[in-house]
Amino acid sequence: VKRGLDSLYRKVEKHLCEEENLLQVVWRAMQEEFITQYKY
């Protein structure tokens, strides 16, 4: 699971490399989405 998340982060980082701030926002949103799926 961690390995999968790591490769996801790299993909998102490539998309958002200019936007340091936005990368953190997106990563936090992905964390919340994952926790929602986990709780379900």
PDB file of all heavy atoms in Angstrom:
ATOM      1  N   VAL A   1       0.853  -1.191   0.000  1.00  0.00           N
ATOM      2  CA  VAL A   1       0.000   0.000   0.000  1.00  0.00           C
ATOM      3  C   VAL A   1       0.888   1.239   0.000  1.00  0.00           C
ATOM      4  O   VAL A   1       0.680   2.172  -0.777  1.00  0.00           O
ATOM      5  CB  VAL A   1      -0.965  -0.013   1.208  1.00  0.00           C
ATOM      6  CG1 VAL A   1      -1.690   1.319   1.352  1.00  0.00           C
ATOM      7  CG2 VAL A   1      -1.969  -1.154   1.068  1.00  0.00           C
ATOM      8  N   LYS A   2       1.912   1.224   0.837  1.00  0.00           N
ATOM      9  CA  LYS A   2       2.826   2.374   0.905  1.00  0.00           C
ATOM     10  C   LYS A   2       3.547   2.565  -0.434  1.00  0.00           C
ATOM     11  O   LYS A   2       3.700   3.689  -0.915  1.00  0.00           O
ATOM     12  CB  LYS A   2       3.843   2.216   2.026  1.00  0.00           C
ATOM     13  CG  LYS A   2       4.685   3.465   2.180  1.00  0.00           C
ATOM     14  CD  LYS A   2       5.660   3.431   3.331  1.00  0.00           C
ATOM     15  CE  LYS A   2       6.429   4.740   3.387  1.00  0.00           C
ATOM     16  NZ  LYS A   2       7.482   4.725   4.384  1.00  0.00           N
ATOM     17  N   ARG A   3       3.971   1.466  -1.045  1.00  0.00           N
ATOM     18  CA  ARG A   3       4.660   1.557  -2.339  1.00  0.00           C
ATOM     19  C   ARG A   3       3.745   2.173  -3.392  1.00  0.00           C
ATOM     20  O   ARG A   3       4.160   3.010  -4.192  1.00  0.00           O
ATOM     21  CB  ARG A   3       5.124   0.167  -2.782  1.00  0.00           C
ATOM     22  CG  ARG A   3       6.052   0.215  -3.989  1.00  0.00           C
ATOM     23  CD  ARG A   3       6.581  -1.152  -4.349  1.00  0.00           C
ATOM     24  NE  ARG A   3       7.331  -1.742  -3.259  1.00  0.00           N
ATOM     25  CZ  ARG A   3       7.422  -3.050  -3.026  1.00  0.00           C
ATOM     26  NH1 ARG A   3       6.792  -3.907  -3.805  1.00  0.00           N
ATOM     27  NH2 ARG A   3       8.129  -3.505  -2.014  1.00  0.00           N
ATOM     28  N   GLY A   4       2.492   1.767  -3.390  1.00  0.00           N
ATOM     29  CA  GLY A   4       1.513   2.324  -4.331  1.00  0.00           C
ATOM     30  C   GLY A   4       1.310   3.818  -4.118  1.00  0.00           C
ATOM     31  O   GLY A   4       1.233   4.593  -5.075  1.00  0.00           O
ATOM     32  N   LEU A   5       1.236   4.221  -2.845  1.00  0.00           N
ATOM     33  CA  LEU A   5       1.073   5.645  -2.525  1.00  0.00           C
ATOM     34  C   LEU A   5       2.304   6.437  -2.943  1.00  0.00           C
ATOM     35  O   LEU A   5       2.202   7.570  -3.417  1.00  0.00           O
ATOM     36  CB  LEU A   5       0.807   5.834  -1.030  1.00  0.00           C
ATOM     37  CG  LEU A   5      -0.557   5.354  -0.527  1.00  0.00           C
ATOM     38  CD1 LEU A   5      -0.613   5.412   0.991  1.00  0.00           C
ATOM     39  CD2 LEU A   5      -1.685   6.170  -1.139  1.00  0.00           C
ATOM     40  N   ASP A   6       3.468   5.840  -2.778  1.00  0.00           N
ATOM     41  CA  ASP A   6       4.705   6.513  -3.155  1.00  0.00           C
ATOM     42  C   ASP A   6       4.732   6.796  -4.656  1.00  0.00           C
ATOM     43  O   ASP A   6       5.090   7.893  -5.088  1.00  0.00           O
ATOM     44  CB  ASP A   6       5.910   5.664  -2.745  1.00  0.00           C
ATOM     45  CG  ASP A   6       7.195   6.468  -2.769  1.00  0.00           C
ATOM     46  OD1 ASP A   6       7.266   7.463  -2.018  1.00  0.00           O
ATOM     47  OD2 ASP A   6       8.094   6.122  -3.543  1.00  0.00           O
ATOM     48  N   SER A   7       4.325   5.817  -5.462  1.00  0.00           N
ATOM     49  CA  SER A   7       4.344   6.056  -6.912  1.00  0.00           C
ATOM     50  C   SER A   7       3.248   7.049  -7.299  1.00  0.00           C
ATOM     51  O   SER A   7       3.423   7.842  -8.228  1.00  0.00           O
ATOM     52  CB  SER A   7       4.257   4.745  -7.699  1.00  0.00           C
ATOM     53  OG  SER A   7       2.959   4.246  -7.669  1.00  0.00           O
ATOM     54  N   LEU A   8       2.139   7.048  -6.575  1.00  0.00           N
ATOM     55  CA  LEU A   8       1.100   8.053  -6.808  1.00  0.00           C
ATOM     56  C   LEU A   8       1.645   9.453  -6.522  1.00  0.00           C
ATOM     57  O   LEU A   8       1.438  10.388  -7.289  1.00  0.00           O
ATOM     58  CB  LEU A   8      -0.121   7.780  -5.918  1.00  0.00           C
ATOM     59  CG  LEU A   8      -1.244   8.817  -6.003  1.00  0.00           C
ATOM     60  CD1 LEU A   8      -1.926   8.779  -7.368  1.00  0.00           C
ATOM     61  CD2 LEU A   8      -2.266   8.588  -4.901  1.00  0.00           C
ATOM     62  N   TYR A   9       2.385   9.586  -5.423  1.00  0.00           N
ATOM     63  CA  TYR A   9       2.950  10.892  -5.060  1.00  0.00           C
ATOM     64  C   TYR A   9       3.866  11.406  -6.174  1.00  0.00           C
ATOM     65  O   TYR A   9       3.809  12.571  -6.557  1.00  0.00           O
ATOM     66  CB  TYR A   9       3.728  10.806  -3.747  1.00  0.00           C
ATOM     67  CG  TYR A   9       4.176  12.162  -3.231  1.00  0.00           C
ATOM     68  CD1 TYR A   9       3.359  12.907  -2.399  1.00  0.00           C
ATOM     69  CD2 TYR A   9       5.406  12.697  -3.601  1.00  0.00           C
ATOM     70  CE1 TYR A   9       3.764  14.157  -1.922  1.00  0.00           C
ATOM     71  CE2 TYR A   9       5.820  13.946  -3.137  1.00  0.00           C
ATOM     72  CZ  TYR A   9       4.990  14.667  -2.296  1.00  0.00           C
ATOM     73  OH  TYR A   9       5.371  15.898  -1.842  1.00  0.00           O
ATOM     74  N   ARG A  10       4.678  10.497  -6.705  1.00  0.00           N
ATOM     75  CA  ARG A  10       5.597  10.904  -7.781  1.00  0.00           C
ATOM     76  C   ARG A  10       4.831  11.386  -9.008  1.00  0.00           C
ATOM     77  O   ARG A  10       5.233  12.352  -9.662  1.00  0.00           O
ATOM     78  CB  ARG A  10       6.540   9.760  -8.139  1.00  0.00           C
ATOM     79  CG  ARG A  10       7.670   9.616  -7.122  1.00  0.00           C
ATOM     80  CD  ARG A  10       8.827   8.789  -7.662  1.00  0.00           C
ATOM     81  NE  ARG A  10       8.440   7.408  -7.898  1.00  0.00           N
ATOM     82  CZ  ARG A  10       8.531   6.447  -6.970  1.00  0.00           C
ATOM     83  NH1 ARG A  10       8.997   6.724  -5.778  1.00  0.00           N
ATOM     84  NH2 ARG A  10       8.158   5.222  -7.249  1.00  0.00           N
ATOM     85  N   LYS A  11       3.721  10.712  -9.310  1.00  0.00           N
ATOM     86  CA  LYS A  11       2.897  11.113 -10.456  1.00  0.00           C
ATOM     87  C   LYS A  11       2.309  12.512 -10.219  1.00  0.00           C
ATOM     88  O   LYS A  11       2.373  13.386 -11.082  1.00  0.00           O
ATOM     89  CB  LYS A  11       1.760  10.089 -10.641  1.00  0.00           C
ATOM     90  CG  LYS A  11       1.102  10.199 -11.996  1.00  0.00           C
ATOM     91  CD  LYS A  11      -0.092   9.306 -12.296  1.00  0.00           C
ATOM     92  CE  LYS A  11      -0.355   8.067 -11.518  1.00  0.00           C
ATOM     93  NZ  LYS A  11      -1.560   7.350 -11.944  1.00  0.00           N
ATOM     94  N   VAL A  12       1.775  12.729  -9.024  1.00  0.00           N
ATOM     95  CA  VAL A  12       1.167  14.020  -8.684  1.00  0.00           C
ATOM     96  C   VAL A  12       2.236  15.112  -8.669  1.00  0.00           C
ATOM     97  O   VAL A  12       2.018  16.218  -9.162  1.00  0.00           O
ATOM     98  CB  VAL A  12       0.448  13.945  -7.313  1.00  0.00           C
ATOM     99  CG1 VAL A  12      -0.031  15.318  -6.866  1.00  0.00           C
ATOM    100  CG2 VAL A  12      -0.739  12.975  -7.381  1.00  0.00           C
ATOM    101  N   GLU A  13       3.401  14.766  -8.141  1.00  0.00           N
ATOM    102  CA  GLU A  13       4.505  15.723  -8.064  1.00  0.00           C
ATOM    103  C   GLU A  13       4.915  16.197  -9.463  1.00  0.00           C
ATOM    104  O   GLU A  13       5.184  17.381  -9.677  1.00  0.00           O
ATOM    105  CB  GLU A  13       5.691  15.050  -7.372  1.00  0.00           C
ATOM    106  CG  GLU A  13       6.756  15.984  -6.888  1.00  0.00           C
ATOM    107  CD  GLU A  13       7.864  15.252  -6.145  1.00  0.00           C
ATOM    108  OE1 GLU A  13       8.108  14.055  -6.435  1.00  0.00           O
ATOM    109  OE2 GLU A  13       8.477  15.873  -5.265  1.00  0.00           O
ATOM    110  N   LYS A  14       4.921  15.274 -10.427  1.00  0.00           N
ATOM    111  CA  LYS A  14       5.257  15.651 -11.807  1.00  0.00           C
ATOM    112  C   LYS A  14       4.245  16.654 -12.340  1.00  0.00           C
ATOM    113  O   LYS A  14       4.601  17.609 -13.008  1.00  0.00           O
ATOM    114  CB  LYS A  14       5.269  14.418 -12.713  1.00  0.00           C
ATOM    115  CG  LYS A  14       6.607  13.744 -12.769  1.00  0.00           C
ATOM    116  CD  LYS A  14       6.651  12.702 -13.872  1.00  0.00           C
ATOM    117  CE  LYS A  14       7.788  11.744 -13.638  1.00  0.00           C
ATOM    118  NZ  LYS A  14       7.342  10.382 -13.336  1.00  0.00           N
ATOM    119  N   HIS A  15       2.966  16.399 -12.058  1.00  0.00           N
ATOM    120  CA  HIS A  15       1.915  17.317 -12.520  1.00  0.00           C
ATOM    121  C   HIS A  15       2.043  18.686 -11.882  1.00  0.00           C
ATOM    122  O   HIS A  15       1.784  19.697 -12.519  1.00  0.00           O
ATOM    123  CB  HIS A  15       0.529  16.788 -12.125  1.00  0.00           C
ATOM    124  CG  HIS A  15       0.121  15.587 -12.887  1.00  0.00           C
ATOM    125  ND1 HIS A  15      -0.964  14.826 -12.528  1.00  0.00           N
ATOM    126  CD2 HIS A  15       0.630  14.997 -13.998  1.00  0.00           C
ATOM    127  CE1 HIS A  15      -1.092  13.824 -13.370  1.00  0.00           C
ATOM    128  NE2 HIS A  15      -0.136  13.902 -14.267  1.00  0.00           N
ATOM    129  N   LEU A  16       2.369  18.716 -10.591  1.00  0.00           N
ATOM    130  CA  LEU A  16       2.265  19.947  -9.813  1.00  0.00           C
ATOM    131  C   LEU A  16       3.614  20.533  -9.409  1.00  0.00           C
ATOM    132  O   LEU A  16       3.685  21.298  -8.463  1.00  0.00           O
ATOM    133  CB  LEU A  16       1.447  19.677  -8.543  1.00  0.00           C
ATOM    134  CG  LEU A  16       0.040  19.123  -8.731  1.00  0.00           C
ATOM    135  CD1 LEU A  16      -0.561  18.773  -7.383  1.00  0.00           C
ATOM    136  CD2 LEU A  16      -0.839  20.109  -9.457  1.00  0.00           C
ATOM    137  N   CYS A  17       4.672  20.182 -10.134  1.00  0.00           N
ATOM    138  CA  CYS A  17       6.007  20.567  -9.664  1.00  0.00           C
ATOM    139  C   CYS A  17       6.166  22.070  -9.432  1.00  0.00           C
ATOM    140  O   CYS A  17       6.855  22.475  -8.512  1.00  0.00           O
ATOM    141  CB  CYS A  17       7.087  20.035 -10.585  1.00  0.00           C
ATOM    142  SG  CYS A  17       6.868  20.556 -12.287  1.00  0.00           S
ATOM    143  N   GLU A  18       5.515  22.903 -10.240  1.00  0.00           N
ATOM    144  CA  GLU A  18       5.659  24.351 -10.069  1.00  0.00           C
ATOM    145  C   GLU A  18       4.954  24.833  -8.800  1.00  0.00           C
ATOM    146  O   GLU A  18       5.368  25.795  -8.182  1.00  0.00           O
ATOM    147  CB  GLU A  18       5.047  25.099 -11.272  1.00  0.00           C
ATOM    148  CG  GLU A  18       5.648  24.721 -12.619  1.00  0.00           C
ATOM    149  CD  GLU A  18       7.156  24.923 -12.677  1.00  0.00           C
ATOM    150  OE1 GLU A  18       7.608  26.037 -12.396  1.00  0.00           O
ATOM    151  OE2 GLU A  18       7.869  23.942 -12.975  1.00  0.00           O
ATOM    152  N   GLU A  19       3.881  24.155  -8.465  1.00  0.00           N
ATOM    153  CA  GLU A  19       2.974  24.625  -7.414  1.00  0.00           C
ATOM    154  C   GLU A  19       3.222  23.904  -6.095  1.00  0.00           C
ATOM    155  O   GLU A  19       2.462  23.022  -5.722  1.00  0.00           O
ATOM    156  CB  GLU A  19       1.546  24.323  -7.853  1.00  0.00           C
ATOM    157  CG  GLU A  19       0.640  25.444  -8.254  1.00  0.00           C
ATOM    158  CD  GLU A  19       0.783  26.749  -7.516  1.00  0.00           C
ATOM    159  OE1 GLU A  19       0.973  26.745  -6.281  1.00  0.00           O
ATOM    160  OE2 GLU A  19       0.674  27.779  -8.164  1.00  0.00           O
ATOM    161  N   GLU A  20       4.234  24.263  -5.369  1.00  0.00           N
ATOM    162  CA  GLU A  20       4.574  23.601  -4.112  1.00  0.00           C
ATOM    163  C   GLU A  20       3.366  23.555  -3.181  1.00  0.00           C
ATOM    164  O   GLU A  20       3.025  22.531  -2.611  1.00  0.00           O
ATOM    165  CB  GLU A  20       5.730  24.349  -3.441  1.00  0.00           C
ATOM    166  CG  GLU A  20       6.218  23.730  -2.148  1.00  0.00           C
ATOM    167  CD  GLU A  20       6.657  22.268  -2.289  1.00  0.00           C
ATOM    168  OE1 GLU A  20       7.302  21.931  -3.298  1.00  0.00           O
ATOM    169  OE2 GLU A  20       6.344  21.474  -1.391  1.00  0.00           O
ATOM    170  N   ASN A  21       2.711  24.686  -3.061  1.00  0.00           N
ATOM    171  CA  ASN A  21       1.549  24.822  -2.197  1.00  0.00           C
ATOM    172  C   ASN A  21       0.418  23.875  -2.587  1.00  0.00           C
ATOM    173  O   ASN A  21      -0.202  23.238  -1.746  1.00  0.00           O
ATOM    174  CB  ASN A  21       1.050  26.265  -2.340  1.00  0.00           C
ATOM    175  CG  ASN A  21       0.595  26.815  -1.027  1.00  0.00           C
ATOM    176  OD1 ASN A  21       0.542  26.086  -0.036  1.00  0.00           O
ATOM    177  ND2 ASN A  21       0.264  28.079  -1.016  1.00  0.00           N
ATOM    178  N   LEU A  22       0.166  23.807  -3.880  1.00  0.00           N
ATOM    179  CA  LEU A  22      -0.934  23.005  -4.393  1.00  0.00           C
ATOM    180  C   LEU A  22      -0.655  21.511  -4.196  1.00  0.00           C
ATOM    181  O   LEU A  22      -1.567  20.737  -3.919  1.00  0.00           O
ATOM    182  CB  LEU A  22      -1.169  23.338  -5.868  1.00  0.00           C
ATOM    183  CG  LEU A  22      -2.476  22.853  -6.486  1.00  0.00           C
ATOM    184  CD1 LEU A  22      -3.667  23.237  -5.633  1.00  0.00           C
ATOM    185  CD2 LEU A  22      -2.624  23.403  -7.887  1.00  0.00           C
ATOM    186  N   LEU A  23       0.614  21.121  -4.322  1.00  0.00           N
ATOM    187  CA  LEU A  23       0.986  19.719  -4.117  1.00  0.00           C
ATOM    188  C   LEU A  23       0.570  19.270  -2.714  1.00  0.00           C
ATOM    189  O   LEU A  23      -0.017  18.204  -2.533  1.00  0.00           O
ATOM    190  CB  LEU A  23       2.489  19.535  -4.321  1.00  0.00           C
ATOM    191  CG  LEU A  23       3.052  18.135  -4.058  1.00  0.00           C
ATOM    192  CD1 LEU A  23       2.401  17.092  -4.953  1.00  0.00           C
ATOM    193  CD2 LEU A  23       4.557  18.123  -4.253  1.00  0.00           C
ATOM    194  N   GLN A  24       0.841  20.111  -1.711  1.00  0.00           N
ATOM    195  CA  GLN A  24       0.471  19.765  -0.331  1.00  0.00           C
ATOM    196  C   GLN A  24      -1.046  19.649  -0.174  1.00  0.00           C
ATOM    197  O   GLN A  24      -1.546  18.756   0.498  1.00  0.00           O
ATOM    198  CB  GLN A  24       1.007  20.815   0.647  1.00  0.00           C
ATOM    199  CG  GLN A  24       2.514  20.791   0.779  1.00  0.00           C
ATOM    200  CD  GLN A  24       3.056  22.029   1.494  1.00  0.00           C
ATOM    201  OE1 GLN A  24       2.323  22.954   1.818  1.00  0.00           O
ATOM    202  NE2 GLN A  24       4.355  22.037   1.726  1.00  0.00           N
ATOM    203  N   VAL A  25      -1.758  20.568  -0.819  1.00  0.00           N
ATOM    204  CA  VAL A  25      -3.223  20.568  -0.737  1.00  0.00           C
ATOM    205  C   VAL A  25      -3.792  19.290  -1.355  1.00  0.00           C
ATOM    206  O   VAL A  25      -4.645  18.623  -0.777  1.00  0.00           O
ATOM    207  CB  VAL A  25      -3.808  21.822  -1.451  1.00  0.00           C
ATOM    208  CG1 VAL A  25      -5.315  21.730  -1.569  1.00  0.00           C
ATOM    209  CG2 VAL A  25      -3.411  23.090  -0.713  1.00  0.00           C
ATOM    210  N   VAL A  26      -3.285  18.950  -2.535  1.00  0.00           N
ATOM    211  CA  VAL A  26      -3.765  17.755  -3.235  1.00  0.00           C
ATOM    212  C   VAL A  26      -3.425  16.494  -2.431  1.00  0.00           C
ATOM    213  O   VAL A  26      -4.249  15.595  -2.276  1.00  0.00           O
ATOM    214  CB  VAL A  26      -3.167  17.672  -4.665  1.00  0.00           C
ATOM    215  CG1 VAL A  26      -3.389  16.300  -5.285  1.00  0.00           C
ATOM    216  CG2 VAL A  26      -3.769  18.758  -5.547  1.00  0.00           C
ATOM    217  N   TRP A  27      -2.218  16.437  -1.893  1.00  0.00           N
ATOM    218  CA  TRP A  27      -1.788  15.258  -1.130  1.00  0.00           C
ATOM    219  C   TRP A  27      -2.666  15.080   0.106  1.00  0.00           C
ATOM    220  O   TRP A  27      -3.055  13.970   0.450  1.00  0.00           O
ATOM    221  CB  TRP A  27      -0.311  15.384  -0.779  1.00  0.00           C
ATOM    222  CG  TRP A  27       0.317  14.109  -0.291  1.00  0.00           C
ATOM    223  CD1 TRP A  27       0.961  13.926   0.894  1.00  0.00           C
ATOM    224  CD2 TRP A  27       0.357  12.845  -0.968  1.00  0.00           C
ATOM    225  NE1 TRP A  27       1.404  12.628   0.992  1.00  0.00           N
ATOM    226  CE2 TRP A  27       1.046  11.936  -0.129  1.00  0.00           C
ATOM    227  CE3 TRP A  27      -0.121  12.384  -2.197  1.00  0.00           C
ATOM    228  CZ2 TRP A  27       1.266  10.607  -0.485  1.00  0.00           C
ATOM    229  CZ3 TRP A  27       0.098  11.062  -2.542  1.00  0.00           C
ATOM    230  CH2 TRP A  27       0.777  10.193  -1.704  1.00  0.00           C
ATOM    231  N   ARG A  28      -2.987  16.192   0.778  1.00  0.00           N
ATOM    232  CA  ARG A  28      -3.872  16.138   1.943  1.00  0.00           C
ATOM    233  C   ARG A  28      -5.271  15.642   1.536  1.00  0.00           C
ATOM    234  O   ARG A  28      -5.882  14.816   2.220  1.00  0.00           O
ATOM    235  CB  ARG A  28      -3.956  17.528   2.595  1.00  0.00           C
ATOM    236  CG  ARG A  28      -4.957  17.697   3.721  1.00  0.00           C
ATOM    237  CD  ARG A  28      -4.690  16.830   4.932  1.00  0.00           C
ATOM    238  NE  ARG A  28      -3.326  16.881   5.418  1.00  0.00           N
ATOM    239  CZ  ARG A  28      -2.864  17.777   6.276  1.00  0.00           C
ATOM    240  NH1 ARG A  28      -3.639  18.723   6.744  1.00  0.00           N
ATOM    241  NH2 ARG A  28      -1.611  17.728   6.669  1.00  0.00           N
ATOM    242  N   ALA A  29      -5.761  16.129   0.400  1.00  0.00           N
ATOM    243  CA  ALA A  29      -7.085  15.704  -0.083  1.00  0.00           C
ATOM    244  C   ALA A  29      -7.077  14.207  -0.415  1.00  0.00           C
ATOM    245  O   ALA A  29      -8.049  13.496  -0.153  1.00  0.00           O
ATOM    246  CB  ALA A  29      -7.498  16.527  -1.304  1.00  0.00           C
ATOM    247  N   MET A  30      -5.965  13.728  -0.965  1.00  0.00           N
ATOM    248  CA  MET A  30      -5.855  12.299  -1.284  1.00  0.00           C
ATOM    249  C   MET A  30      -5.809  11.469  -0.002  1.00  0.00           C
ATOM    250  O   MET A  30      -6.382  10.390   0.074  1.00  0.00           O
ATOM    251  CB  MET A  30      -4.633  12.042  -2.163  1.00  0.00           C
ATOM    252  CG  MET A  30      -4.838  12.540  -3.579  1.00  0.00           C
ATOM    253  SD  MET A  30      -3.453  12.157  -4.667  1.00  0.00           S
ATOM    254  CE  MET A  30      -4.200  12.517  -6.270  1.00  0.00           C
ATOM    255  N   GLN A  31      -5.136  11.988   1.003  1.00  0.00           N
ATOM    256  CA  GLN A  31      -5.092  11.302   2.301  1.00  0.00           C
ATOM    257  C   GLN A  31      -6.510  11.179   2.868  1.00  0.00           C
ATOM    258  O   GLN A  31      -6.905  10.104   3.322  1.00  0.00           O
ATOM    259  CB  GLN A  31      -4.206  12.089   3.264  1.00  0.00           C
ATOM    260  CG  GLN A  31      -4.198  11.537   4.681  1.00  0.00           C
ATOM    261  CD  GLN A  31      -3.300  12.365   5.596  1.00  0.00           C
ATOM    262  OE1 GLN A  31      -2.096  12.434   5.400  1.00  0.00           O
ATOM    263  NE2 GLN A  31      -3.881  13.000   6.584  1.00  0.00           N
ATOM    264  N   GLU A  32      -7.269  12.261   2.813  1.00  0.00           N
ATOM    265  CA  GLU A  32      -8.649  12.228   3.332  1.00  0.00           C
ATOM    266  C   GLU A  32      -9.498  11.239   2.558  1.00  0.00           C
ATOM    267  O   GLU A  32     -10.291  10.497   3.137  1.00  0.00           O
ATOM    268  CB  GLU A  32      -9.273  13.631   3.273  1.00  0.00           C
ATOM    269  CG  GLU A  32      -8.757  14.529   4.385  1.00  0.00           C
ATOM    270  CD  GLU A  32      -9.127  16.001   4.181  1.00  0.00           C
ATOM    271  OE1 GLU A  32     -10.049  16.299   3.385  1.00  0.00           O
ATOM    272  OE2 GLU A  32      -8.470  16.848   4.819  1.00  0.00           O
ATOM    273  N   GLU A  33      -9.327  11.217   1.240  1.00  0.00           N
ATOM    274  CA  GLU A  33     -10.091  10.290   0.399  1.00  0.00           C
ATOM    275  C   GLU A  33      -9.737   8.844   0.757  1.00  0.00           C
ATOM    276  O   GLU A  33     -10.607   7.979   0.855  1.00  0.00           O
ATOM    277  CB  GLU A  33      -9.791  10.586  -1.081  1.00  0.00           C
ATOM    278  CG  GLU A  33     -10.413   9.614  -2.058  1.00  0.00           C
ATOM    279  CD  GLU A  33     -11.936   9.526  -1.979  1.00  0.00           C
ATOM    280  OE1 GLU A  33     -12.594  10.511  -1.589  1.00  0.00           O
ATOM    281  OE2 GLU A  33     -12.464   8.442  -2.299  1.00  0.00           O
ATOM    282  N   PHE A  34      -8.457   8.573   0.982  1.00  0.00           N
ATOM    283  CA  PHE A  34      -8.029   7.219   1.316  1.00  0.00           C
ATOM    284  C   PHE A  34      -8.619   6.791   2.665  1.00  0.00           C
ATOM    285  O   PHE A  34      -9.096   5.664   2.826  1.00  0.00           O
ATOM    286  CB  PHE A  34      -6.502   7.140   1.347  1.00  0.00           C
ATOM    287  CG  PHE A  34      -5.965   5.728   1.360  1.00  0.00           C
ATOM    288  CD1 PHE A  34      -6.662   4.687   0.783  1.00  0.00           C
ATOM    289  CD2 PHE A  34      -4.739   5.451   1.929  1.00  0.00           C
ATOM    290  CE1 PHE A  34      -6.158   3.394   0.781  1.00  0.00           C
ATOM    291  CE2 PHE A  34      -4.221   4.155   1.936  1.00  0.00           C
ATOM    292  CZ  PHE A  34      -4.935   3.128   1.362  1.00  0.00           C
ATOM    293  N   ILE A  35      -8.600   7.699   3.628  1.00  0.00           N
ATOM    294  CA  ILE A  35      -9.150   7.388   4.949  1.00  0.00           C
ATOM    295  C   ILE A  35     -10.657   7.125   4.861  1.00  0.00           C
ATOM    296  O   ILE A  35     -11.168   6.206   5.496  1.00  0.00           O
ATOM    297  CB  ILE A  35      -8.796   8.498   5.964  1.00  0.00           C
ATOM    298  CG1 ILE A  35      -7.294   8.409   6.279  1.00  0.00           C
ATOM    299  CG2 ILE A  35      -9.625   8.372   7.241  1.00  0.00           C
ATOM    300  CD1 ILE A  35      -6.748   9.546   7.122  1.00  0.00           C
ATOM    301  N   THR A  36     -11.352   7.893   4.022  1.00  0.00           N
ATOM    302  CA  THR A  36     -12.785   7.663   3.805  1.00  0.00           C
ATOM    303  C   THR A  36     -13.021   6.257   3.267  1.00  0.00           C
ATOM    304  O   THR A  36     -13.894   5.528   3.751  1.00  0.00           O
ATOM    305  CB  THR A  36     -13.351   8.716   2.822  1.00  0.00           C
ATOM    306  OG1 THR A  36     -13.150  10.014   3.391  1.00  0.00           O
ATOM    307  CG2 THR A  36     -14.824   8.503   2.558  1.00  0.00           C
ATOM    308  N   GLN A  37     -12.238   5.867   2.251  1.00  0.00           N
ATOM    309  CA  GLN A  37     -12.383   4.521   1.671  1.00  0.00           C
ATOM    310  C   GLN A  37     -12.049   3.443   2.703  1.00  0.00           C
ATOM    311  O   GLN A  37     -12.724   2.417   2.796  1.00  0.00           O
ATOM    312  CB  GLN A  37     -11.487   4.367   0.436  1.00  0.00           C
ATOM    313  CG  GLN A  37     -11.946   5.200  -0.747  1.00  0.00           C
ATOM    314  CD  GLN A  37     -11.066   5.004  -1.988  1.00  0.00           C
ATOM    315  OE1 GLN A  37     -10.397   3.981  -2.154  1.00  0.00           O
ATOM    316  NE2 GLN A  37     -11.074   5.988  -2.869  1.00  0.00           N
ATOM    317  N   TYR A  38     -11.011   3.692   3.483  1.00  0.00           N
ATOM    318  CA  TYR A  38     -10.592   2.739   4.517  1.00  0.00           C
ATOM    319  C   TYR A  38     -11.715   2.521   5.540  1.00  0.00           C
ATOM    320  O   TYR A  38     -12.048   1.389   5.884  1.00  0.00           O
ATOM    321  CB  TYR A  38      -9.333   3.274   5.204  1.00  0.00           C
ATOM    322  CG  TYR A  38      -8.816   2.388   6.312  1.00  0.00           C
ATOM    323  CD1 TYR A  38      -7.866   1.406   6.053  1.00  0.00           C
ATOM    324  CD2 TYR A  38      -9.263   2.533   7.627  1.00  0.00           C
ATOM    325  CE1 TYR A  38      -7.372   0.591   7.069  1.00  0.00           C
ATOM    326  CE2 TYR A  38      -8.779   1.718   8.642  1.00  0.00           C
ATOM    327  CZ  TYR A  38      -7.840   0.751   8.362  1.00  0.00           C
ATOM    328  OH  TYR A  38      -7.370  -0.060   9.368  1.00  0.00           O
ATOM    329  N   LYS A  39     -12.292   3.641   6.019  1.00  0.00           N
ATOM    330  CA  LYS A  39     -13.360   3.546   7.031  1.00  0.00           C
ATOM    331  C   LYS A  39     -14.579   2.805   6.490  1.00  0.00           C
ATOM    332  O   LYS A  39     -15.210   2.038   7.210  1.00  0.00           O
ATOM    333  CB  LYS A  39     -13.782   4.943   7.496  1.00  0.00           C
ATOM    334  CG  LYS A  39     -12.779   5.599   8.429  1.00  0.00           C
ATOM    335  CD  LYS A  39     -13.236   7.000   8.806  1.00  0.00           C
ATOM    336  CE  LYS A  39     -12.331   7.610   9.865  1.00  0.00           C
ATOM    337  NZ  LYS A  39     -12.621   9.051  10.056  1.00  0.00           N
ATOM    338  N   TYR A  40     -14.878   3.031   5.225  1.00  0.00           N
ATOM    339  CA  TYR A  40     -16.003   2.361   4.571  1.00  0.00           C
ATOM    340  C   TYR A  40     -15.784   0.840   4.577  1.00  0.00           C
ATOM    341  O   TYR A  40     -16.669   0.062   4.942  1.00  0.00           O
ATOM    342  CB  TYR A  40     -16.132   2.916   3.147  1.00  0.00           C
ATOM    343  CG  TYR A  40     -16.955   2.099   2.193  1.00  0.00           C
ATOM    344  CD1 TYR A  40     -18.347   2.164   2.214  1.00  0.00           C
ATOM    345  CD2 TYR A  40     -16.339   1.273   1.248  1.00  0.00           C
ATOM    346  CE1 TYR A  40     -19.100   1.413   1.321  1.00  0.00           C
ATOM    347  CE2 TYR A  40     -17.087   0.525   0.347  1.00  0.00           C
ATOM    348  CZ  TYR A  40     -18.464   0.595   0.386  1.00  0.00           C
ATOM    349  OH  TYR A  40     -19.201  -0.147  -0.490  1.00  0.00           O
TER     350      TYR A  40
END
